[in-house]
Full PDB file with SEQRES, HELIX, SHEET, SSBOND, CRYST1, ORIGX, SCALE, CONECT and MASTER records, all heavy atoms in Angstrom:
SEQRES   1 A   39  GLY ILE GLY LEU GLY ALA ALA LEU GLY GLY LEU GLY LEU          
SEQRES   2 A   39  LEU LEU ASP ARG VAL LEU PRO PRO GLY PRO VAL ALA VAL          
SEQRES   3 A   39  LEU LEU LEU ALA ALA GLY THR LEU LEU THR GLY ALA LEU          
HELIX    1 AA1 ILE A    2  LEU A   15  1                                  14    
HELIX    2 AA2 PRO A   21  THR A   36  1                                  16    
CRYST1    1.000    1.000    1.000  90.00  90.00  90.00 P 1           1          
ORIGX1      1.000000  0.000000  0.000000        0.00000                         
ORIGX2      0.000000  1.000000  0.000000        0.00000                         
ORIGX3      0.000000  0.000000  1.000000        0.00000                         
SCALE1      1.000000  0.000000  0.000000        0.00000                         
SCALE2      0.000000  1.000000  0.000000        0.00000                         
SCALE3      0.000000  0.000000  1.000000        0.00000                         
ATOM      1  N   GLY A   1      -1.979 -38.063   8.610  1.00  0.00           N  
ATOM      2  CA  GLY A   1      -1.893 -36.678   8.146  1.00  0.00           C  
ATOM      3  C   GLY A   1      -1.864 -36.568   6.638  1.00  0.00           C  
ATOM      4  O   GLY A   1      -2.518 -35.700   6.046  1.00  0.00           O  
ATOM      5  N   ILE A   2      -1.112 -37.449   5.995  1.00  0.00           N  
ATOM      6  CA  ILE A   2      -1.064 -37.452   4.526  1.00  0.00           C  
ATOM      7  C   ILE A   2      -2.450 -37.714   3.957  1.00  0.00           C  
ATOM      8  O   ILE A   2      -2.872 -37.076   2.981  1.00  0.00           O  
ATOM      9  CB  ILE A   2      -0.054 -38.510   4.031  1.00  0.00           C  
ATOM     10  CG1 ILE A   2       1.377 -38.073   4.350  1.00  0.00           C  
ATOM     11  CG2 ILE A   2      -0.208 -38.750   2.531  1.00  0.00           C  
ATOM     12  CD1 ILE A   2       2.418 -39.163   4.146  1.00  0.00           C  
ATOM     13  N   GLY A   3      -3.167 -38.657   4.557  1.00  0.00           N  
ATOM     14  CA  GLY A   3      -4.526 -38.946   4.094  1.00  0.00           C  
ATOM     15  C   GLY A   3      -5.444 -37.748   4.232  1.00  0.00           C  
ATOM     16  O   GLY A   3      -6.224 -37.436   3.321  1.00  0.00           O  
ATOM     17  N   LEU A   4      -5.349 -37.059   5.376  1.00  0.00           N  
ATOM     18  CA  LEU A   4      -6.174 -35.867   5.575  1.00  0.00           C  
ATOM     19  C   LEU A   4      -5.817 -34.777   4.567  1.00  0.00           C  
ATOM     20  O   LEU A   4      -6.698 -34.141   3.976  1.00  0.00           O  
ATOM     21  CB  LEU A   4      -5.979 -35.332   6.996  1.00  0.00           C  
ATOM     22  CG  LEU A   4      -6.589 -36.138   8.144  1.00  0.00           C  
ATOM     23  CD1 LEU A   4      -6.123 -35.578   9.488  1.00  0.00           C  
ATOM     24  CD2 LEU A   4      -8.104 -36.120   8.063  1.00  0.00           C  
ATOM     25  N   GLY A   5      -4.527 -34.550   4.369  1.00  0.00           N  
ATOM     26  CA  GLY A   5      -4.102 -33.517   3.425  1.00  0.00           C  
ATOM     27  C   GLY A   5      -4.526 -33.815   2.006  1.00  0.00           C  
ATOM     28  O   GLY A   5      -4.983 -32.925   1.274  1.00  0.00           O  
ATOM     29  N   ALA A   6      -4.398 -35.080   1.599  1.00  0.00           N  
ATOM     30  CA  ALA A   6      -4.813 -35.463   0.252  1.00  0.00           C  
ATOM     31  C   ALA A   6      -6.317 -35.319   0.074  1.00  0.00           C  
ATOM     32  O   ALA A   6      -6.792 -34.890  -0.988  1.00  0.00           O  
ATOM     33  CB  ALA A   6      -4.373 -36.900  -0.036  1.00  0.00           C  
ATOM     34  N   ALA A   7      -7.075 -35.663   1.135  1.00  0.00           N  
ATOM     35  CA  ALA A   7      -8.536 -35.521   1.052  1.00  0.00           C  
ATOM     36  C   ALA A   7      -8.938 -34.063   0.915  1.00  0.00           C  
ATOM     37  O   ALA A   7      -9.804 -33.709   0.090  1.00  0.00           O  
ATOM     38  CB  ALA A   7      -9.191 -36.142   2.285  1.00  0.00           C  
ATOM     39  N   LEU A   8      -8.314 -33.193   1.692  1.00  0.00           N  
ATOM     40  CA  LEU A   8      -8.627 -31.769   1.596  1.00  0.00           C  
ATOM     41  C   LEU A   8      -8.182 -31.199   0.250  1.00  0.00           C  
ATOM     42  O   LEU A   8      -8.876 -30.376  -0.354  1.00  0.00           O  
ATOM     43  CB  LEU A   8      -7.955 -31.001   2.738  1.00  0.00           C  
ATOM     44  CG  LEU A   8      -8.507 -31.265   4.139  1.00  0.00           C  
ATOM     45  CD1 LEU A   8      -7.667 -30.547   5.189  1.00  0.00           C  
ATOM     46  CD2 LEU A   8      -9.964 -30.810   4.231  1.00  0.00           C  
ATOM     47  N   GLY A   9      -7.013 -31.640  -0.222  1.00  0.00           N  
ATOM     48  CA  GLY A   9      -6.556 -31.183  -1.535  1.00  0.00           C  
ATOM     49  C   GLY A   9      -7.484 -31.626  -2.641  1.00  0.00           C  
ATOM     50  O   GLY A   9      -7.757 -30.873  -3.586  1.00  0.00           O  
ATOM     51  N   GLY A  10      -7.977 -32.872  -2.553  1.00  0.00           N  
ATOM     52  CA  GLY A  10      -8.949 -33.351  -3.546  1.00  0.00           C  
ATOM     53  C   GLY A  10     -10.244 -32.569  -3.487  1.00  0.00           C  
ATOM     54  O   GLY A  10     -10.841 -32.258  -4.538  1.00  0.00           O  
ATOM     55  N   LEU A  11     -10.693 -32.232  -2.273  1.00  0.00           N  
ATOM     56  CA  LEU A  11     -11.893 -31.398  -2.138  1.00  0.00           C  
ATOM     57  C   LEU A  11     -11.670 -30.042  -2.784  1.00  0.00           C  
ATOM     58  O   LEU A  11     -12.567 -29.503  -3.453  1.00  0.00           O  
ATOM     59  CB  LEU A  11     -12.235 -31.239  -0.662  1.00  0.00           C  
ATOM     60  CG  LEU A  11     -13.403 -30.304  -0.331  1.00  0.00           C  
ATOM     61  CD1 LEU A  11     -14.697 -30.809  -0.966  1.00  0.00           C  
ATOM     62  CD2 LEU A  11     -13.560 -30.156   1.181  1.00  0.00           C  
ATOM     63  N   GLY A  12     -10.471 -29.511  -2.616  1.00  0.00           N  
ATOM     64  CA  GLY A  12     -10.155 -28.229  -3.239  1.00  0.00           C  
ATOM     65  C   GLY A  12     -10.237 -28.277  -4.756  1.00  0.00           C  
ATOM     66  O   GLY A  12     -10.706 -27.326  -5.395  1.00  0.00           O  
ATOM     67  N   LEU A  13      -9.797 -29.390  -5.344  1.00  0.00           N  
ATOM     68  CA  LEU A  13      -9.886 -29.531  -6.800  1.00  0.00           C  
ATOM     69  C   LEU A  13     -11.330 -29.476  -7.278  1.00  0.00           C  
ATOM     70  O   LEU A  13     -11.632 -28.893  -8.330  1.00  0.00           O  
ATOM     71  CB  LEU A  13      -9.242 -30.849  -7.234  1.00  0.00           C  
ATOM     72  CG  LEU A  13      -7.729 -30.979  -7.041  1.00  0.00           C  
ATOM     73  CD1 LEU A  13      -7.266 -32.376  -7.436  1.00  0.00           C  
ATOM     74  CD2 LEU A  13      -6.983 -29.916  -7.847  1.00  0.00           C  
ATOM     75  N   LEU A  14     -12.231 -30.058  -6.498  1.00  0.00           N  
ATOM     76  CA  LEU A  14     -13.644 -30.020  -6.853  1.00  0.00           C  
ATOM     77  C   LEU A  14     -14.222 -28.624  -6.679  1.00  0.00           C  
ATOM     78  O   LEU A  14     -14.978 -28.135  -7.534  1.00  0.00           O  
ATOM     79  CB  LEU A  14     -14.423 -31.022  -5.997  1.00  0.00           C  
ATOM     80  CG  LEU A  14     -14.091 -32.504  -6.198  1.00  0.00           C  
ATOM     81  CD1 LEU A  14     -14.878 -33.355  -5.208  1.00  0.00           C  
ATOM     82  CD2 LEU A  14     -14.394 -32.934  -7.622  1.00  0.00           C  
ATOM     83  N   LEU A  15     -13.852 -27.959  -5.571  1.00  0.00           N  
ATOM     84  CA  LEU A  15     -14.391 -26.624  -5.298  1.00  0.00           C  
ATOM     85  C   LEU A  15     -13.879 -25.588  -6.287  1.00  0.00           C  
ATOM     86  O   LEU A  15     -14.559 -24.593  -6.557  1.00  0.00           O  
ATOM     87  CB  LEU A  15     -14.037 -26.204  -3.870  1.00  0.00           C  
ATOM     88  CG  LEU A  15     -14.710 -27.011  -2.747  1.00  0.00           C  
ATOM     89  CD1 LEU A  15     -14.163 -26.594  -1.396  1.00  0.00           C  
ATOM     90  CD2 LEU A  15     -16.227 -26.830  -2.789  1.00  0.00           C  
ATOM     91  N   ASP A  16     -12.683 -25.821  -6.831  1.00  0.00           N  
ATOM     92  CA  ASP A  16     -12.129 -24.889  -7.811  1.00  0.00           C  
ATOM     93  C   ASP A  16     -13.035 -24.730  -9.036  1.00  0.00           C  
ATOM     94  O   ASP A  16     -12.979 -23.714  -9.733  1.00  0.00           O  
ATOM     95  CB  ASP A  16     -10.751 -25.364  -8.283  1.00  0.00           C  
ATOM     96  CG  ASP A  16      -9.654 -25.035  -7.281  1.00  0.00           C  
ATOM     97  OD1 ASP A  16      -9.855 -24.133  -6.445  1.00  0.00           O  
ATOM     98  OD2 ASP A  16      -8.601 -25.690  -7.331  1.00  0.00           O  
ATOM     99  N   ARG A  17     -13.849 -25.733  -9.295  1.00  0.00           N  
ATOM    100  CA  ARG A  17     -14.716 -25.706 -10.481  1.00  0.00           C  
ATOM    101  C   ARG A  17     -15.856 -24.692 -10.344  1.00  0.00           C  
ATOM    102  O   ARG A  17     -16.399 -24.229 -11.351  1.00  0.00           O  
ATOM    103  CB  ARG A  17     -15.314 -27.086 -10.736  1.00  0.00           C  
ATOM    104  CG  ARG A  17     -14.289 -28.186 -11.010  1.00  0.00           C  
ATOM    105  CD  ARG A  17     -14.942 -29.555 -11.003  1.00  0.00           C  
ATOM    106  NE  ARG A  17     -13.999 -30.630 -11.267  1.00  0.00           N  
ATOM    107  CZ  ARG A  17     -13.791 -31.168 -12.457  1.00  0.00           C  
ATOM    108  NH1 ARG A  17     -14.479 -30.747 -13.501  1.00  0.00           N  
ATOM    109  NH2 ARG A  17     -12.916 -32.139 -12.596  1.00  0.00           N  
ATOM    110  N   VAL A  18     -16.204 -24.351  -9.087  1.00  0.00           N  
ATOM    111  CA  VAL A  18     -17.393 -23.521  -8.893  1.00  0.00           C  
ATOM    112  C   VAL A  18     -17.145 -22.268  -8.078  1.00  0.00           C  
ATOM    113  O   VAL A  18     -18.006 -21.376  -8.044  1.00  0.00           O  
ATOM    114  CB  VAL A  18     -18.521 -24.339  -8.226  1.00  0.00           C  
ATOM    115  CG1 VAL A  18     -19.003 -25.433  -9.160  1.00  0.00           C  
ATOM    116  CG2 VAL A  18     -18.061 -24.941  -6.902  1.00  0.00           C  
ATOM    117  N   LEU A  19     -15.981 -22.162  -7.411  1.00  0.00           N  
ATOM    118  CA  LEU A  19     -15.749 -21.033  -6.503  1.00  0.00           C  
ATOM    119  C   LEU A  19     -14.372 -20.415  -6.743  1.00  0.00           C  
ATOM    120  O   LEU A  19     -13.430 -21.110  -7.146  1.00  0.00           O  
ATOM    121  CB  LEU A  19     -15.847 -21.488  -5.042  1.00  0.00           C  
ATOM    122  CG  LEU A  19     -17.233 -21.902  -4.532  1.00  0.00           C  
ATOM    123  CD1 LEU A  19     -17.103 -22.513  -3.138  1.00  0.00           C  
ATOM    124  CD2 LEU A  19     -18.184 -20.716  -4.518  1.00  0.00           C  
ATOM    125  N   PRO A  20     -14.216 -19.130  -6.450  1.00  0.00           N  
ATOM    126  CA  PRO A  20     -12.903 -18.490  -6.530  1.00  0.00           C  
ATOM    127  C   PRO A  20     -12.025 -18.896  -5.342  1.00  0.00           C  
ATOM    128  O   PRO A  20     -12.501 -19.509  -4.375  1.00  0.00           O  
ATOM    129  CB  PRO A  20     -13.241 -16.988  -6.496  1.00  0.00           C  
ATOM    130  CG  PRO A  20     -14.562 -16.912  -5.830  1.00  0.00           C  
ATOM    131  CD  PRO A  20     -15.307 -18.162  -6.193  1.00  0.00           C  
ATOM    132  N   PRO A  21     -10.730 -18.519  -5.377  1.00  0.00           N  
ATOM    133  CA  PRO A  21      -9.778 -19.023  -4.377  1.00  0.00           C  
ATOM    134  C   PRO A  21     -10.119 -18.685  -2.924  1.00  0.00           C  
ATOM    135  O   PRO A  21      -9.941 -19.534  -2.035  1.00  0.00           O  
ATOM    136  CB  PRO A  21      -8.457 -18.367  -4.792  1.00  0.00           C  
ATOM    137  CG  PRO A  21      -8.606 -18.115  -6.256  1.00  0.00           C  
ATOM    138  CD  PRO A  21     -10.045 -17.777  -6.452  1.00  0.00           C  
ATOM    139  N   GLY A  22     -10.585 -17.477  -2.649  1.00  0.00           N  
ATOM    140  CA  GLY A  22     -10.875 -17.086  -1.271  1.00  0.00           C  
ATOM    141  C   GLY A  22     -11.909 -17.967  -0.597  1.00  0.00           C  
ATOM    142  O   GLY A  22     -11.653 -18.546   0.472  1.00  0.00           O  
ATOM    143  N   PRO A  23     -13.098 -18.098  -1.184  1.00  0.00           N  
ATOM    144  CA  PRO A  23     -14.101 -18.991  -0.586  1.00  0.00           C  
ATOM    145  C   PRO A  23     -13.643 -20.445  -0.499  1.00  0.00           C  
ATOM    146  O   PRO A  23     -13.984 -21.145   0.454  1.00  0.00           O  
ATOM    147  CB  PRO A  23     -15.298 -18.845  -1.540  1.00  0.00           C  
ATOM    148  CG  PRO A  23     -15.155 -17.468  -2.110  1.00  0.00           C  
ATOM    149  CD  PRO A  23     -13.673 -17.287  -2.273  1.00  0.00           C  
ATOM    150  N   VAL A  24     -12.868 -20.905  -1.485  1.00  0.00           N  
ATOM    151  CA  VAL A  24     -12.348 -22.276  -1.418  1.00  0.00           C  
ATOM    152  C   VAL A  24     -11.454 -22.438  -0.190  1.00  0.00           C  
ATOM    153  O   VAL A  24     -11.539 -23.431   0.540  1.00  0.00           O  
ATOM    154  CB  VAL A  24     -11.573 -22.636  -2.700  1.00  0.00           C  
ATOM    155  CG1 VAL A  24     -10.853 -23.972  -2.531  1.00  0.00           C  
ATOM    156  CG2 VAL A  24     -12.522 -22.706  -3.892  1.00  0.00           C  
ATOM    157  N   ALA A  25     -10.601 -21.452   0.053  1.00  0.00           N  
ATOM    158  CA  ALA A  25      -9.709 -21.512   1.213  1.00  0.00           C  
ATOM    159  C   ALA A  25     -10.496 -21.581   2.506  1.00  0.00           C  
ATOM    160  O   ALA A  25     -10.164 -22.349   3.418  1.00  0.00           O  
ATOM    161  CB  ALA A  25      -8.781 -20.300   1.216  1.00  0.00           C  
ATOM    162  N   VAL A  26     -11.564 -20.798   2.618  1.00  0.00           N  
ATOM    163  CA  VAL A  26     -12.391 -20.810   3.823  1.00  0.00           C  
ATOM    164  C   VAL A  26     -13.028 -22.179   4.023  1.00  0.00           C  
ATOM    165  O   VAL A  26     -13.043 -22.734   5.138  1.00  0.00           O  
ATOM    166  CB  VAL A  26     -13.472 -19.721   3.751  1.00  0.00           C  
ATOM    167  CG1 VAL A  26     -14.471 -19.873   4.889  1.00  0.00           C  
ATOM    168  CG2 VAL A  26     -12.837 -18.336   3.801  1.00  0.00           C  
ATOM    169  N   LEU A  27     -13.570 -22.744   2.957  1.00  0.00           N  
ATOM    170  CA  LEU A  27     -14.228 -24.044   3.060  1.00  0.00           C  
ATOM    171  C   LEU A  27     -13.229 -25.153   3.399  1.00  0.00           C  
ATOM    172  O   LEU A  27     -13.557 -26.085   4.148  1.00  0.00           O  
ATOM    173  CB  LEU A  27     -14.956 -24.362   1.752  1.00  0.00           C  
ATOM    174  CG  LEU A  27     -16.201 -23.504   1.468  1.00  0.00           C  
ATOM    175  CD1 LEU A  27     -16.781 -23.847   0.106  1.00  0.00           C  
ATOM    176  CD2 LEU A  27     -17.251 -23.702   2.561  1.00  0.00           C  
ATOM    177  N   LEU A  28     -12.022 -25.066   2.879  1.00  0.00           N  
ATOM    178  CA  LEU A  28     -11.015 -26.069   3.208  1.00  0.00           C  
ATOM    179  C   LEU A  28     -10.599 -25.979   4.677  1.00  0.00           C  
ATOM    180  O   LEU A  28     -10.407 -26.998   5.349  1.00  0.00           O  
ATOM    181  CB  LEU A  28      -9.789 -25.913   2.305  1.00  0.00           C  
ATOM    182  CG  LEU A  28     -10.001 -26.281   0.830  1.00  0.00           C  
ATOM    183  CD1 LEU A  28      -8.727 -26.056   0.031  1.00  0.00           C  
ATOM    184  CD2 LEU A  28     -10.465 -27.724   0.693  1.00  0.00           C  
ATOM    185  N   LEU A  29     -10.466 -24.756   5.189  1.00  0.00           N  
ATOM    186  CA  LEU A  29     -10.162 -24.590   6.609  1.00  0.00           C  
ATOM    187  C   LEU A  29     -11.296 -25.137   7.471  1.00  0.00           C  
ATOM    188  O   LEU A  29     -11.054 -25.789   8.495  1.00  0.00           O  
ATOM    189  CB  LEU A  29      -9.916 -23.115   6.930  1.00  0.00           C  
ATOM    190  CG  LEU A  29      -8.596 -22.525   6.442  1.00  0.00           C  
ATOM    191  CD1 LEU A  29      -8.555 -21.024   6.712  1.00  0.00           C  
ATOM    192  CD2 LEU A  29      -7.408 -23.212   7.135  1.00  0.00           C  
ATOM    193  N   ALA A  30     -12.528 -24.874   7.051  1.00  0.00           N  
ATOM    194  CA  ALA A  30     -13.677 -25.384   7.798  1.00  0.00           C  
ATOM    195  C   ALA A  30     -13.711 -26.909   7.770  1.00  0.00           C  
ATOM    196  O   ALA A  30     -13.957 -27.558   8.802  1.00  0.00           O  
ATOM    197  CB  ALA A  30     -14.974 -24.812   7.211  1.00  0.00           C  
ATOM    198  N   ALA A  31     -13.442 -27.487   6.602  1.00  0.00           N  
ATOM    199  CA  ALA A  31     -13.453 -28.944   6.484  1.00  0.00           C  
ATOM    200  C   ALA A  31     -12.355 -29.567   7.340  1.00  0.00           C  
ATOM    201  O   ALA A  31     -12.576 -30.578   8.026  1.00  0.00           O  
ATOM    202  CB  ALA A  31     -13.276 -29.354   5.019  1.00  0.00           C  
ATOM    203  N   GLY A  32     -11.169 -28.966   7.328  1.00  0.00           N  
ATOM    204  CA  GLY A  32     -10.079 -29.474   8.147  1.00  0.00           C  
ATOM    205  C   GLY A  32     -10.391 -29.389   9.633  1.00  0.00           C  
ATOM    206  O   GLY A  32     -10.077 -30.298  10.408  1.00  0.00           O  
ATOM    207  N   THR A  33     -11.029 -28.297  10.037  1.00  0.00           N  
ATOM    208  CA  THR A  33     -11.413 -28.120  11.438  1.00  0.00           C  
ATOM    209  C   THR A  33     -12.439 -29.160  11.847  1.00  0.00           C  
ATOM    210  O   THR A  33     -12.370 -29.736  12.941  1.00  0.00           O  
ATOM    211  CB  THR A  33     -11.969 -26.708  11.668  1.00  0.00           C  
ATOM    212  OG1 THR A  33     -10.971 -25.744  11.306  1.00  0.00           O  
ATOM    213  CG2 THR A  33     -12.363 -26.503  13.125  1.00  0.00           C  
ATOM    214  N   LEU A  34     -13.397 -29.440  10.964  1.00  0.00           N  
ATOM    215  CA  LEU A  34     -14.418 -30.446  11.270  1.00  0.00           C  
ATOM    216  C   LEU A  34     -13.810 -31.839  11.363  1.00  0.00           C  
ATOM    217  O   LEU A  34     -14.175 -32.631  12.242  1.00  0.00           O  
ATOM    218  CB  LEU A  34     -15.513 -30.412  10.195  1.00  0.00           C  
ATOM    219  CG  LEU A  34     -16.440 -29.188  10.212  1.00  0.00           C  
ATOM    220  CD1 LEU A  34     -17.373 -29.217   9.000  1.00  0.00           C  
ATOM    221  CD2 LEU A  34     -17.248 -29.139  11.502  1.00  0.00           C  
ATOM    222  N   LEU A  35     -12.892 -32.156  10.468  1.00  0.00           N  
ATOM    223  CA  LEU A  35     -12.281 -33.487  10.467  1.00  0.00           C  
ATOM    224  C   LEU A  35     -11.453 -33.744  11.726  1.00  0.00           C  
ATOM    225  O   LEU A  35     -11.383 -34.878  12.205  1.00  0.00           O  
ATOM    226  CB  LEU A  35     -11.402 -33.666   9.231  1.00  0.00           C  
ATOM    227  CG  LEU A  35     -12.127 -33.911   7.906  1.00  0.00           C  
ATOM    228  CD1 LEU A  35     -11.142 -33.876   6.751  1.00  0.00           C  
ATOM    229  CD2 LEU A  35     -12.860 -35.245   7.930  1.00  0.00           C  
ATOM    230  N   THR A  36     -10.823 -32.699  12.253  1.00  0.00           N  
ATOM    231  CA  THR A  36      -9.982 -32.863  13.435  1.00  0.00           C  
ATOM    232  C   THR A  36     -10.696 -32.476  14.723  1.00  0.00           C  
ATOM    233  O   THR A  36     -10.116 -32.614  15.806  1.00  0.00           O  
ATOM    234  CB  THR A  36      -8.712 -32.016  13.311  1.00  0.00           C  
ATOM    235  OG1 THR A  36      -9.074 -30.626  13.198  1.00  0.00           O  
ATOM    236  CG2 THR A  36      -7.905 -32.421  12.088  1.00  0.00           C  
ATOM    237  N   GLY A  37     -11.928 -31.976  14.613  1.00  0.00           N  
ATOM    238  CA  GLY A  37     -12.636 -31.526  15.796  1.00  0.00           C  
ATOM    239  C   GLY A  37     -11.992 -30.317  16.440  1.00  0.00           C  
ATOM    240  O   GLY A  37     -12.223 -30.052  17.636  1.00  0.00           O  
ATOM    241  N   ALA A  38     -11.185 -29.577  15.691  1.00  0.00           N  
ATOM    242  CA  ALA A  38     -10.457 -28.405  16.199  1.00  0.00           C  
ATOM    243  C   ALA A  38      -9.573 -28.754  17.390  1.00  0.00           C  
ATOM    244  O   ALA A  38      -9.213 -27.881  18.184  1.00  0.00           O  
ATOM    245  CB  ALA A  38     -11.433 -27.278  16.559  1.00  0.00           C  
ATOM    246  N   LEU A  39      -9.200 -30.029  17.536  1.00  0.00           N  
ATOM    247  CA  LEU A  39      -8.420 -30.463  18.695  1.00  0.00           C  
ATOM    248  C   LEU A  39      -7.064 -29.772  18.752  1.00  0.00           C  
ATOM    249  O   LEU A  39      -6.635 -29.307  19.819  1.00  0.00           O  
ATOM    250  CB  LEU A  39      -8.233 -31.984  18.648  1.00  0.00           C  
ATOM    251  CG  LEU A  39      -9.488 -32.837  18.825  1.00  0.00           C  
ATOM    252  CD1 LEU A  39      -9.158 -34.308  18.572  1.00  0.00           C  
ATOM    253  CD2 LEU A  39     -10.066 -32.650  20.219  1.00  0.00           C  
TER     254      LEU A  39                                                      
MASTER        0    0    0    2    0    0    0    6  253    1    0    3          
END                                                                             
């Protein structure tokens, strides 16, 4: 879980450079869902 959270947080740092907070939040939720298969 820590690894997944750190990976998503790192992705957020990259997305912050090009997108505002709302779209970043959506993409992080999508990435988390894909990584876990929505299980």
